[in-house]
């Protein structure tokens, strides 16, 4: 038997609705849940469409992550311009996506998968040699 719930607005106990819901309000959805985008008919799987991990201001010269992180357990700065964040919650396989962006240095940036728990974020100079700098990284894919 299938059940369906149709609502126009979700309101918390205090009467708040929409994006202004307080941080203490939680709405739980199963991993096959979808939503309809604003003003359109396109639907998206909300679980697969989420960023599973990020690190901002990865400081390869200082050997630390200076900015915000999500799902990061530790950071190993193991060589000039090269660092490996380890995720708290592993990915389901080693085919997830690593997106690395410039974090405030003038160096190009790279990111790649090491294994289901670890990815590499690095910076290189204009001569294509690893060099200390800053970058950011975000991970997309399926969690284990």
N, C-alpha and C. Protein backbone atom coordinates (compact mmCIF):
# COMPACT_ATOMS: atom_id res chain seq x y z
N UNK A 1 0.84 -1.18 0.00
CA UNK A 1 0.00 0.00 0.00
C UNK A 1 0.88 1.24 0.00
N UNK A 2 0.57 2.20 -0.84
CA UNK A 2 1.32 3.45 -0.93
C UNK A 2 0.51 4.58 -0.32
N UNK A 3 1.21 5.45 0.44
CA UNK A 3 0.56 6.62 1.03
C UNK A 3 1.11 7.86 0.38
N UNK A 4 0.31 8.91 0.35
CA UNK A 4 0.74 10.17 -0.24
C UNK A 4 0.29 11.29 0.66
N UNK A 5 1.15 12.27 0.87
CA UNK A 5 0.84 13.44 1.67
C UNK A 5 0.98 14.66 0.77
N UNK A 6 -0.08 15.42 0.62
CA UNK A 6 -0.07 16.63 -0.20
C UNK A 6 -0.21 17.85 0.70
N UNK A 7 0.75 18.77 0.62
CA UNK A 7 0.69 20.00 1.41
C UNK A 7 1.12 21.17 0.55
N UNK A 8 0.67 22.35 0.91
CA UNK A 8 1.11 23.57 0.24
C UNK A 8 2.26 24.23 0.98
N UNK A 9 2.25 24.14 2.31
CA UNK A 9 3.27 24.79 3.13
C UNK A 9 3.61 23.91 4.32
N UNK A 10 4.90 23.82 4.65
CA UNK A 10 5.33 23.16 5.87
C UNK A 10 5.62 24.24 6.89
N UNK A 11 5.01 24.12 8.06
CA UNK A 11 5.14 25.13 9.10
C UNK A 11 5.62 24.44 10.38
N UNK A 12 6.61 25.04 11.07
CA UNK A 12 7.07 24.46 12.33
C UNK A 12 6.13 24.86 13.46
N UNK A 13 6.42 24.37 14.67
CA UNK A 13 5.53 24.61 15.81
C UNK A 13 5.39 26.09 16.14
N UNK A 14 6.41 26.90 15.83
CA UNK A 14 6.36 28.33 16.13
C UNK A 14 5.64 29.11 15.05
N UNK A 15 5.26 28.46 13.96
CA UNK A 15 4.53 29.14 12.89
C UNK A 15 5.40 29.62 11.75
N UNK A 16 6.70 29.32 11.77
CA UNK A 16 7.59 29.74 10.69
C UNK A 16 7.44 28.79 9.51
N UNK A 17 7.66 29.29 8.30
CA UNK A 17 7.56 28.43 7.12
C UNK A 17 8.63 28.81 6.12
N UNK A 18 8.80 27.97 5.12
CA UNK A 18 9.72 28.25 4.03
C UNK A 18 11.17 28.34 4.46
N UNK A 19 11.98 29.15 3.74
CA UNK A 19 13.41 29.23 4.01
C UNK A 19 13.74 29.80 5.38
N UNK A 20 12.77 30.44 6.04
CA UNK A 20 13.04 31.05 7.33
C UNK A 20 12.88 30.07 8.49
N UNK A 21 12.66 28.78 8.19
CA UNK A 21 12.53 27.81 9.27
C UNK A 21 13.76 27.87 10.16
N UNK A 22 13.58 27.83 11.49
CA UNK A 22 14.73 27.89 12.37
C UNK A 22 15.63 26.66 12.22
N UNK A 23 16.89 26.80 12.63
CA UNK A 23 17.87 25.72 12.48
C UNK A 23 17.48 24.47 13.25
N UNK A 24 16.58 24.58 14.22
CA UNK A 24 16.21 23.42 15.02
C UNK A 24 15.14 22.57 14.33
N UNK A 25 14.57 23.07 13.24
CA UNK A 25 13.56 22.31 12.52
C UNK A 25 14.23 21.36 11.54
N UNK A 26 13.85 20.10 11.56
CA UNK A 26 14.43 19.09 10.67
C UNK A 26 13.33 18.46 9.84
N UNK A 27 13.57 18.37 8.56
CA UNK A 27 12.66 17.68 7.66
C UNK A 27 13.43 16.50 7.11
N UNK A 28 12.96 15.27 7.36
CA UNK A 28 13.66 14.07 6.92
C UNK A 28 13.02 13.53 5.65
N UNK A 29 13.89 13.10 4.70
CA UNK A 29 13.42 12.52 3.45
C UNK A 29 14.21 11.26 3.19
N UNK A 30 13.59 10.28 2.55
CA UNK A 30 14.31 9.07 2.16
C UNK A 30 15.28 9.35 1.03
N UNK A 31 16.18 8.39 0.74
CA UNK A 31 17.19 8.66 -0.28
C UNK A 31 16.68 8.58 -1.71
N UNK A 32 15.40 8.43 -1.92
CA UNK A 32 14.86 8.53 -3.27
C UNK A 32 13.96 9.75 -3.40
N UNK A 33 14.01 10.66 -2.42
CA UNK A 33 13.17 11.84 -2.43
C UNK A 33 13.56 12.80 -3.54
N UNK A 34 12.59 13.50 -4.06
CA UNK A 34 12.83 14.51 -5.09
C UNK A 34 12.10 15.78 -4.71
N UNK A 35 12.47 16.86 -5.35
CA UNK A 35 11.72 18.10 -5.18
C UNK A 35 11.54 18.70 -6.56
N UNK A 36 10.59 19.61 -6.67
CA UNK A 36 10.36 20.32 -7.93
C UNK A 36 11.02 21.67 -7.81
N UNK A 37 11.84 22.03 -8.78
CA UNK A 37 12.55 23.30 -8.71
C UNK A 37 11.58 24.46 -8.84
N UNK A 38 12.01 25.63 -8.37
CA UNK A 38 11.17 26.83 -8.40
C UNK A 38 10.70 27.14 -9.81
N UNK A 39 9.42 27.19 -10.00
CA UNK A 39 8.84 27.62 -11.25
C UNK A 39 9.01 26.67 -12.42
N UNK A 40 9.51 25.47 -12.19
CA UNK A 40 9.74 24.56 -13.30
C UNK A 40 9.28 23.16 -12.99
N UNK A 41 9.34 22.31 -13.98
CA UNK A 41 8.89 20.93 -13.81
C UNK A 41 10.06 19.97 -13.63
N UNK A 42 11.30 20.46 -13.68
CA UNK A 42 12.46 19.59 -13.53
C UNK A 42 12.57 19.11 -12.09
N UNK A 43 12.78 17.82 -11.91
CA UNK A 43 12.96 17.28 -10.57
C UNK A 43 14.40 16.83 -10.38
N UNK A 44 14.84 16.82 -9.14
CA UNK A 44 16.22 16.44 -8.83
C UNK A 44 16.22 15.54 -7.61
N UNK A 45 17.06 14.51 -7.61
CA UNK A 45 17.23 13.67 -6.45
C UNK A 45 18.00 14.49 -5.42
N UNK A 46 17.38 14.82 -4.30
CA UNK A 46 18.00 15.71 -3.33
C UNK A 46 19.18 15.08 -2.62
N UNK A 47 19.24 13.77 -2.51
CA UNK A 47 20.37 13.12 -1.85
C UNK A 47 21.59 13.10 -2.78
N UNK A 48 21.41 12.70 -4.04
CA UNK A 48 22.54 12.64 -4.95
C UNK A 48 23.01 14.03 -5.37
N UNK A 49 22.18 15.02 -5.28
CA UNK A 49 22.55 16.36 -5.71
C UNK A 49 23.29 17.18 -4.68
N UNK A 50 23.56 16.63 -3.51
CA UNK A 50 24.21 17.38 -2.44
C UNK A 50 25.72 17.21 -2.46
N UNK A 51 26.42 18.26 -2.04
CA UNK A 51 27.86 18.18 -1.85
C UNK A 51 28.12 17.34 -0.59
N UNK A 52 28.95 16.32 -0.69
CA UNK A 52 29.17 15.39 0.42
C UNK A 52 30.34 15.80 1.31
N UNK A 53 31.20 16.70 0.84
CA UNK A 53 32.38 17.09 1.60
C UNK A 53 32.95 18.37 1.00
N UNK A 54 33.50 19.25 1.85
CA UNK A 54 34.24 20.39 1.32
C UNK A 54 35.28 20.86 2.31
N UNK A 55 36.26 21.57 1.78
CA UNK A 55 37.30 22.22 2.57
C UNK A 55 37.64 23.53 1.89
N UNK A 56 37.68 24.61 2.66
CA UNK A 56 38.03 25.91 2.09
C UNK A 56 39.33 26.40 2.71
N UNK A 57 40.08 27.15 1.92
CA UNK A 57 41.36 27.70 2.33
C UNK A 57 42.32 26.61 2.81
N UNK A 58 42.53 25.60 1.95
CA UNK A 58 43.54 24.58 2.24
C UNK A 58 44.89 25.26 2.07
N UNK A 59 45.61 25.40 3.16
CA UNK A 59 46.87 26.14 3.20
C UNK A 59 48.04 25.16 3.08
N UNK A 60 48.56 25.01 1.88
CA UNK A 60 49.65 24.06 1.66
C UNK A 60 50.96 24.54 2.27
N UNK A 61 51.15 25.84 2.43
CA UNK A 61 52.35 26.36 3.07
C UNK A 61 52.31 26.20 4.58
N UNK A 62 51.13 26.31 5.16
CA UNK A 62 50.98 26.20 6.61
C UNK A 62 50.62 24.81 7.09
N UNK A 63 50.27 23.93 6.16
CA UNK A 63 49.96 22.55 6.52
C UNK A 63 48.65 22.37 7.27
N UNK A 64 47.66 23.19 6.94
CA UNK A 64 46.38 23.11 7.65
C UNK A 64 45.25 23.55 6.74
N UNK A 65 44.04 23.30 7.17
CA UNK A 65 42.86 23.84 6.49
C UNK A 65 42.41 25.03 7.34
N UNK A 66 42.55 26.23 6.79
CA UNK A 66 42.27 27.45 7.54
C UNK A 66 40.81 27.86 7.49
N UNK A 67 40.04 27.37 6.54
CA UNK A 67 38.66 27.79 6.36
C UNK A 67 37.66 26.77 6.86
N UNK A 68 36.47 26.84 6.31
CA UNK A 68 35.35 26.00 6.69
C UNK A 68 35.53 24.59 6.12
N UNK A 69 35.06 23.59 6.88
CA UNK A 69 35.10 22.22 6.38
C UNK A 69 33.77 21.53 6.67
N UNK A 70 33.49 20.51 5.90
CA UNK A 70 32.34 19.65 6.12
C UNK A 70 32.76 18.23 5.77
N UNK A 71 32.55 17.29 6.69
CA UNK A 71 32.89 15.88 6.51
C UNK A 71 34.39 15.67 6.35
N UNK A 72 35.20 16.47 7.03
CA UNK A 72 36.65 16.31 7.02
C UNK A 72 37.09 15.87 8.42
N UNK A 73 37.80 14.73 8.50
CA UNK A 73 38.29 14.21 9.78
C UNK A 73 39.71 14.68 10.07
N UNK A 74 40.55 14.75 9.04
CA UNK A 74 41.95 15.13 9.25
C UNK A 74 42.54 15.64 7.93
N UNK A 75 43.74 16.20 8.03
CA UNK A 75 44.44 16.72 6.86
C UNK A 75 45.91 16.35 6.95
N UNK A 76 46.46 15.79 5.88
CA UNK A 76 47.87 15.40 5.82
C UNK A 76 48.55 16.25 4.75
N UNK A 77 49.38 17.20 5.18
CA UNK A 77 50.16 18.02 4.26
C UNK A 77 51.49 17.31 4.07
N UNK A 78 51.59 16.47 3.03
CA UNK A 78 52.72 15.56 2.94
C UNK A 78 53.84 15.99 2.00
N UNK A 79 53.64 17.07 1.24
CA UNK A 79 54.70 17.53 0.34
C UNK A 79 54.38 18.96 -0.08
N UNK A 80 55.35 19.63 -0.67
CA UNK A 80 55.16 21.00 -1.14
C UNK A 80 53.96 21.06 -2.09
N UNK A 81 52.99 21.90 -1.77
CA UNK A 81 51.83 22.09 -2.63
C UNK A 81 50.85 20.94 -2.69
N UNK A 82 51.02 19.94 -1.82
CA UNK A 82 50.17 18.74 -1.89
C UNK A 82 49.62 18.40 -0.51
N UNK A 83 48.31 18.24 -0.43
CA UNK A 83 47.67 17.87 0.82
C UNK A 83 46.56 16.86 0.58
N UNK A 84 46.30 16.04 1.59
CA UNK A 84 45.28 15.00 1.46
C UNK A 84 44.31 15.07 2.64
N UNK A 85 43.15 15.67 2.43
CA UNK A 85 42.10 15.61 3.44
C UNK A 85 41.51 14.19 3.50
N UNK A 86 41.20 13.73 4.69
CA UNK A 86 40.53 12.45 4.89
C UNK A 86 39.12 12.74 5.37
N UNK A 87 38.16 12.09 4.75
CA UNK A 87 36.75 12.33 5.08
C UNK A 87 36.32 11.54 6.32
N UNK A 88 35.43 12.11 7.09
CA UNK A 88 34.85 11.44 8.24
C UNK A 88 33.99 10.27 7.79
N UNK A 89 33.15 10.50 6.79
CA UNK A 89 32.28 9.47 6.22
C UNK A 89 32.76 9.15 4.82
N UNK A 90 33.09 7.88 4.59
CA UNK A 90 33.65 7.46 3.30
C UNK A 90 32.63 7.54 2.17
N UNK A 91 33.15 7.65 0.97
CA UNK A 91 32.32 7.59 -0.23
C UNK A 91 32.07 6.12 -0.55
N UNK A 92 31.03 5.86 -1.34
CA UNK A 92 30.64 4.49 -1.68
C UNK A 92 31.59 3.80 -2.63
N UNK A 93 32.38 4.58 -3.39
CA UNK A 93 33.34 4.01 -4.33
C UNK A 93 34.40 5.07 -4.62
N UNK A 94 35.37 4.72 -5.42
CA UNK A 94 36.45 5.66 -5.75
C UNK A 94 36.22 6.39 -7.06
N UNK A 95 34.97 6.51 -7.49
CA UNK A 95 34.67 7.23 -8.72
C UNK A 95 33.91 8.52 -8.46
N UNK A 96 34.06 9.06 -7.25
CA UNK A 96 33.40 10.33 -6.93
C UNK A 96 34.16 11.49 -7.59
N UNK A 97 33.55 12.66 -7.57
CA UNK A 97 34.12 13.83 -8.23
C UNK A 97 34.79 14.75 -7.22
N UNK A 98 36.00 15.17 -7.52
CA UNK A 98 36.72 16.17 -6.73
C UNK A 98 36.79 17.44 -7.57
N UNK A 99 36.26 18.53 -7.03
CA UNK A 99 36.34 19.81 -7.71
C UNK A 99 37.23 20.70 -6.87
N UNK A 100 38.35 21.13 -7.42
CA UNK A 100 39.28 22.01 -6.71
C UNK A 100 39.22 23.39 -7.35
N UNK A 101 39.21 24.41 -6.52
CA UNK A 101 39.14 25.79 -7.00
C UNK A 101 40.22 26.63 -6.35
N UNK A 102 40.44 27.80 -6.90
CA UNK A 102 41.43 28.72 -6.37
C UNK A 102 40.98 29.21 -5.01
N UNK A 103 41.87 29.15 -4.03
CA UNK A 103 41.54 29.58 -2.67
C UNK A 103 42.23 30.86 -2.27
N UNK A 104 42.67 31.67 -3.18
CA UNK A 104 43.29 32.93 -2.83
C UNK A 104 44.74 33.05 -3.26
N UNK A 105 45.30 31.99 -3.85
CA UNK A 105 46.67 32.10 -4.35
C UNK A 105 46.62 32.30 -5.86
N UNK A 106 47.74 32.65 -6.43
CA UNK A 106 47.80 32.84 -7.88
C UNK A 106 48.15 31.57 -8.61
N UNK A 107 48.27 30.45 -7.88
CA UNK A 107 48.66 29.19 -8.49
C UNK A 107 47.46 28.43 -9.03
N UNK A 108 47.67 27.70 -10.12
CA UNK A 108 46.60 26.78 -10.55
C UNK A 108 46.38 25.71 -9.48
N UNK A 109 45.31 25.00 -9.58
CA UNK A 109 44.90 24.05 -8.54
C UNK A 109 44.46 22.76 -9.19
N UNK A 110 44.60 21.67 -8.44
CA UNK A 110 44.22 20.35 -8.93
C UNK A 110 43.57 19.59 -7.79
N UNK A 111 42.75 18.60 -8.13
CA UNK A 111 42.17 17.72 -7.14
C UNK A 111 41.88 16.38 -7.76
N UNK A 112 42.10 15.30 -7.01
CA UNK A 112 41.82 13.97 -7.53
C UNK A 112 41.55 13.00 -6.39
N UNK A 113 40.94 11.87 -6.75
CA UNK A 113 40.58 10.82 -5.81
C UNK A 113 41.82 10.00 -5.47
N UNK A 114 42.01 9.71 -4.17
CA UNK A 114 43.05 8.79 -3.72
C UNK A 114 42.41 7.44 -3.41
N UNK A 115 41.36 7.45 -2.57
CA UNK A 115 40.58 6.25 -2.25
C UNK A 115 39.22 6.69 -1.74
N UNK A 116 38.42 5.80 -1.19
CA UNK A 116 37.06 6.16 -0.78
C UNK A 116 37.02 7.13 0.40
N UNK A 117 38.11 7.26 1.15
CA UNK A 117 38.16 8.17 2.29
C UNK A 117 39.00 9.42 2.07
N UNK A 118 39.88 9.39 1.07
CA UNK A 118 40.87 10.45 0.94
C UNK A 118 40.92 10.98 -0.49
N UNK A 119 41.09 12.30 -0.60
CA UNK A 119 41.31 12.92 -1.90
C UNK A 119 42.52 13.83 -1.78
N UNK A 120 43.08 14.21 -2.91
CA UNK A 120 44.21 15.13 -2.89
C UNK A 120 43.81 16.46 -3.48
N UNK A 121 44.29 17.53 -2.86
CA UNK A 121 44.13 18.88 -3.36
C UNK A 121 45.54 19.46 -3.43
N UNK A 122 45.89 20.05 -4.56
CA UNK A 122 47.25 20.56 -4.72
C UNK A 122 47.25 21.87 -5.49
N UNK A 123 48.38 22.57 -5.38
CA UNK A 123 48.59 23.79 -6.15
C UNK A 123 49.92 23.64 -6.88
N UNK A 124 49.97 24.17 -8.09
CA UNK A 124 51.19 24.15 -8.89
C UNK A 124 51.49 25.56 -9.38
N UNK A 125 52.76 25.85 -9.66
CA UNK A 125 53.13 27.18 -10.14
C UNK A 125 53.08 27.24 -11.67
N UNK A 126 53.47 28.37 -12.22
CA UNK A 126 53.40 28.58 -13.67
C UNK A 126 54.30 27.62 -14.44
N UNK A 127 55.30 27.04 -13.76
CA UNK A 127 56.18 26.07 -14.41
C UNK A 127 55.68 24.65 -14.28
N UNK A 128 54.46 24.48 -13.75
CA UNK A 128 53.81 23.18 -13.55
C UNK A 128 54.50 22.34 -12.47
N UNK A 129 55.19 23.00 -11.54
CA UNK A 129 55.78 22.32 -10.40
C UNK A 129 54.89 22.54 -9.18
N UNK A 130 54.78 21.54 -8.30
CA UNK A 130 54.01 21.71 -7.08
C UNK A 130 54.60 22.88 -6.29
N UNK A 131 53.72 23.76 -5.79
CA UNK A 131 54.14 24.95 -5.04
C UNK A 131 53.10 25.24 -3.98
N UNK A 132 53.56 25.71 -2.82
CA UNK A 132 52.63 26.02 -1.75
C UNK A 132 51.73 27.18 -2.14
N UNK A 133 50.46 27.04 -1.81
CA UNK A 133 49.45 28.05 -2.07
C UNK A 133 48.17 27.65 -1.35
N UNK A 134 47.08 28.26 -1.73
CA UNK A 134 45.77 27.96 -1.13
C UNK A 134 44.85 27.41 -2.21
N UNK A 135 43.97 26.49 -1.83
CA UNK A 135 42.87 26.12 -2.71
C UNK A 135 41.70 25.59 -1.89
N UNK A 136 40.61 25.35 -2.56
CA UNK A 136 39.38 24.82 -1.97
C UNK A 136 39.03 23.54 -2.70
N UNK A 137 38.23 22.69 -2.07
CA UNK A 137 37.80 21.46 -2.74
C UNK A 137 36.39 21.09 -2.31
N UNK A 138 35.65 20.49 -3.22
CA UNK A 138 34.30 19.99 -2.93
C UNK A 138 34.17 18.59 -3.55
N UNK A 139 33.43 17.72 -2.86
CA UNK A 139 33.28 16.34 -3.27
C UNK A 139 31.81 16.04 -3.58
N UNK A 140 31.57 15.40 -4.72
CA UNK A 140 30.23 14.98 -5.10
C UNK A 140 30.25 13.49 -5.47
N UNK A 141 29.22 12.76 -5.09
CA UNK A 141 29.10 11.34 -5.36
C UNK A 141 28.22 10.69 -4.32
N UNK A 142 28.30 9.38 -4.20
CA UNK A 142 27.47 8.64 -3.25
C UNK A 142 28.28 8.25 -2.02
N UNK A 143 27.74 8.54 -0.85
CA UNK A 143 28.37 8.10 0.38
C UNK A 143 28.21 6.59 0.53
N UNK A 144 29.08 5.97 1.32
CA UNK A 144 29.02 4.52 1.55
C UNK A 144 27.76 4.17 2.32
